[in-house]
Protein backbone atom coordinates (compact mmCIF):
# COMPACT_ATOMS: atom_id res chain seq x y z
CA UNK A 1 12.92 9.08 -17.24
CA UNK A 2 9.37 9.17 -15.89
CA UNK A 3 9.22 11.03 -12.55
CA UNK A 4 7.35 8.11 -11.02
CA UNK A 5 10.07 5.66 -11.98
CA UNK A 6 12.64 7.73 -10.07
CA UNK A 7 11.08 7.18 -6.64
CA UNK A 8 13.24 5.03 -4.45
CA UNK A 9 12.84 3.04 -1.31
CA UNK A 10 14.32 4.73 1.74
CA UNK A 11 17.22 3.34 3.80
CA UNK A 12 14.63 2.44 6.48
CA UNK A 13 12.49 0.48 4.02
CA UNK A 14 11.51 -3.09 4.81
CA UNK A 15 9.94 -5.64 2.52
CA UNK A 16 6.55 -7.18 3.22
CA UNK A 17 6.77 -10.78 2.10
CA UNK A 18 3.37 -12.35 2.66
CA UNK A 19 -0.04 -11.57 1.23
CA UNK A 20 -1.72 -11.55 4.67
CA UNK A 21 0.81 -9.10 6.15
CA UNK A 22 0.61 -6.91 3.07
CA UNK A 23 -3.21 -6.82 3.21
CA UNK A 24 -3.16 -5.98 6.93
CA UNK A 25 -0.59 -3.24 6.36
CA UNK A 26 -2.28 -1.52 3.41
CA UNK A 27 -5.70 -1.53 5.10
CA UNK A 28 -4.40 -0.28 8.47
CA UNK A 29 -5.30 3.36 7.80
CA UNK A 30 -2.04 5.24 7.16
CA UNK A 31 0.01 2.99 4.91
CA UNK A 32 2.78 4.24 2.68
CA UNK A 33 4.53 1.68 0.52
CA UNK A 34 6.42 1.17 -2.72
CA UNK A 35 5.64 -1.54 -5.27
CA UNK A 36 8.60 -2.68 -7.38
CA UNK A 37 8.13 -4.91 -10.42
CA UNK A 38 10.72 -7.70 -10.36
CA UNK A 39 10.38 -8.00 -14.13
CA UNK A 40 10.80 -4.36 -15.18
CA UNK A 41 12.15 -2.59 -12.09
CA UNK A 42 9.41 0.04 -12.38
CA UNK A 43 8.29 1.29 -8.97
CA UNK A 44 5.41 3.32 -7.66
CA UNK A 45 4.92 4.68 -4.16
CA UNK A 46 1.39 4.76 -2.80
CA UNK A 47 -0.24 6.24 0.26
CA UNK A 48 -3.49 4.67 1.44
CA UNK A 49 -5.40 6.45 4.18
CA UNK A 50 -8.67 5.88 5.92
CA UNK A 51 -10.54 8.47 8.00
CA UNK A 52 -10.42 7.73 11.74
CA UNK A 53 -14.21 7.45 11.89
CA UNK A 54 -14.48 5.07 8.90
CA UNK A 55 -15.88 1.59 9.30
CA UNK A 56 -14.02 -1.64 8.53
CA UNK A 57 -15.62 -1.72 5.06
CA UNK A 58 -14.01 1.57 3.97
CA UNK A 59 -13.40 3.87 2.35
CA UNK A 60 -9.64 3.92 1.87
CA UNK A 61 -8.26 6.75 -0.24
CA UNK A 62 -5.44 5.87 -2.65
CA UNK A 63 -2.79 8.37 -3.72
CA UNK A 64 0.37 7.91 -5.77
CA UNK A 65 3.65 9.79 -5.41
CA UNK A 66 4.05 12.11 -8.39
CA UNK A 67 6.94 14.38 -7.40
CA UNK A 68 10.23 14.58 -5.55
CA UNK A 69 8.80 15.39 -2.10
CA UNK A 70 7.73 12.05 -0.66
CA UNK A 71 5.79 13.73 2.13
CA UNK A 72 3.48 15.93 0.08
CA UNK A 73 3.66 15.21 -3.68
CA UNK A 74 0.82 12.69 -3.84
CA UNK A 75 -2.06 12.67 -6.33
CA UNK A 76 -5.42 11.07 -5.54
CA UNK A 77 -6.23 8.22 -7.94
CA UNK A 78 -9.22 6.50 -6.37
CA UNK A 79 -10.75 4.81 -3.35
CA UNK A 80 -11.27 1.29 -2.08
CA UNK A 81 -14.20 -0.41 -0.35
CA UNK A 82 -14.43 -3.84 1.22
CA UNK A 83 -16.66 -6.32 -0.59
CA UNK A 84 -16.73 -9.45 1.52
CA UNK A 85 -14.20 -10.57 4.12
CA UNK A 86 -11.21 -10.92 1.77
CA UNK A 87 -11.93 -8.63 -1.17
CA UNK A 88 -11.35 -4.91 -1.44
CA UNK A 89 -12.61 -3.15 -4.57
CA UNK A 90 -10.61 -0.27 -6.07
CA UNK A 91 -12.54 2.43 -7.93
CA UNK A 92 -10.62 5.05 -9.87
CA UNK A 93 -11.11 8.77 -9.85
CA UNK A 94 -13.30 9.91 -12.73
CA UNK A 95 -11.03 11.10 -15.51
CA UNK A 96 -7.87 9.65 -13.92
CA UNK A 97 -5.15 10.19 -16.48
CA UNK A 98 -2.42 7.66 -15.78
CA UNK A 99 -3.74 4.27 -16.77
CA UNK A 100 -0.32 2.62 -16.28
CA UNK A 101 -0.29 3.48 -12.58
CA UNK A 102 -3.94 2.59 -12.13
CA UNK A 103 -3.39 -0.68 -13.99
CA UNK A 104 -0.45 -1.54 -11.75
CA UNK A 105 -2.42 -0.78 -8.59
CA UNK A 106 -5.50 -2.66 -9.83
CA UNK A 107 -3.30 -5.70 -10.65
CA UNK A 108 -1.79 -5.50 -7.17
CA UNK A 109 -5.21 -5.41 -5.48
CA UNK A 110 -6.50 -8.27 -7.67
CA UNK A 111 -3.43 -10.29 -6.63
CA UNK A 112 -4.01 -9.54 -2.93
CA UNK A 113 -7.75 -10.29 -3.18
CA UNK A 114 -7.17 -13.60 -4.95
CA UNK A 115 -4.33 -14.63 -2.64
CA UNK A 116 -2.36 -15.36 -5.81
CA UNK A 117 1.09 -16.23 -4.46
CA UNK A 118 2.62 -16.74 -7.91
CA UNK A 119 1.57 -13.24 -8.99
CA UNK A 120 2.53 -11.75 -5.61
CA UNK A 121 6.07 -13.09 -6.07
CA UNK A 122 6.41 -10.91 -9.20
CA UNK A 123 6.41 -7.73 -7.11
CA UNK A 124 8.27 -6.43 -4.08
CA UNK A 125 6.28 -4.49 -1.49
CA UNK A 126 8.33 -2.13 0.68
CA UNK A 127 7.17 -0.06 3.65
CA UNK A 128 9.21 2.87 4.93
CA UNK A 129 9.69 1.75 8.54
CA UNK A 130 6.56 3.46 9.83
CA UNK A 131 3.45 1.86 11.27
CA UNK A 132 0.71 1.47 8.66
CA UNK A 133 -1.93 2.48 11.23
CA UNK A 134 -0.47 5.34 13.30
CA UNK A 135 2.60 6.38 11.30
CA UNK A 136 5.09 6.07 14.17
CA UNK A 137 8.62 4.83 13.51
CA UNK A 138 8.86 1.06 14.02
CA UNK A 139 11.58 -0.22 16.35
CA UNK A 140 10.47 -3.70 17.44
CA UNK A 141 11.85 -6.32 15.00
CA UNK A 142 8.50 -8.12 14.62
CA UNK A 143 6.80 -4.77 13.97
CA UNK A 144 9.36 -3.88 11.32
CA UNK A 145 8.64 -7.22 9.66
CA UNK A 146 4.85 -6.69 9.64
CA UNK A 147 4.72 -2.92 9.16
CA UNK A 148 2.46 -2.51 12.21
CA UNK A 149 3.52 -1.48 15.72
CA UNK A 150 2.77 -3.82 18.64
CA UNK A 151 -0.17 -1.75 19.90
CA UNK A 152 -1.66 -1.12 16.45
CA UNK A 153 -1.24 -4.75 15.34
CA UNK A 154 -3.54 -5.85 18.15
CA UNK A 155 -6.34 -3.38 17.40
CA UNK A 156 -8.06 -5.15 14.52
CA UNK A 157 -7.56 -8.13 12.28
CA UNK A 158 -7.72 -7.01 8.64
CA UNK A 159 -6.65 -10.31 7.15
């Protein structure tokens, strides 16, 4: 079995169920989430970070979990930049070697950018119970639902 297919959601994982909440979460600055295909069951865990001094247009650095240690076994696959208010462009690392992962992530971003609800319903998006902006454990029910803590959710509107 492919190492990437063996990653699992944690017991603290919570599903993001709307495109707007998913976009806000992944662009918050310290997002870690798992995409699960409803059709095939294949899953990939991504970490998307943004430097603290970055502007709202980017960059965001995209890494994928490639090993058993879900805190440190991430490989850089590319970066994202905002193009317009609702579109974020993903550019791959030169020579990136796993086109299946990159294809899955590119499809996901195209789905988010287009607001394609039918396509979005083909995938589950799970966060690990930590704020997508600051990384703290989420305890407020609304924060668990959105993936952003109450303080961080009010900082900027990424939708």
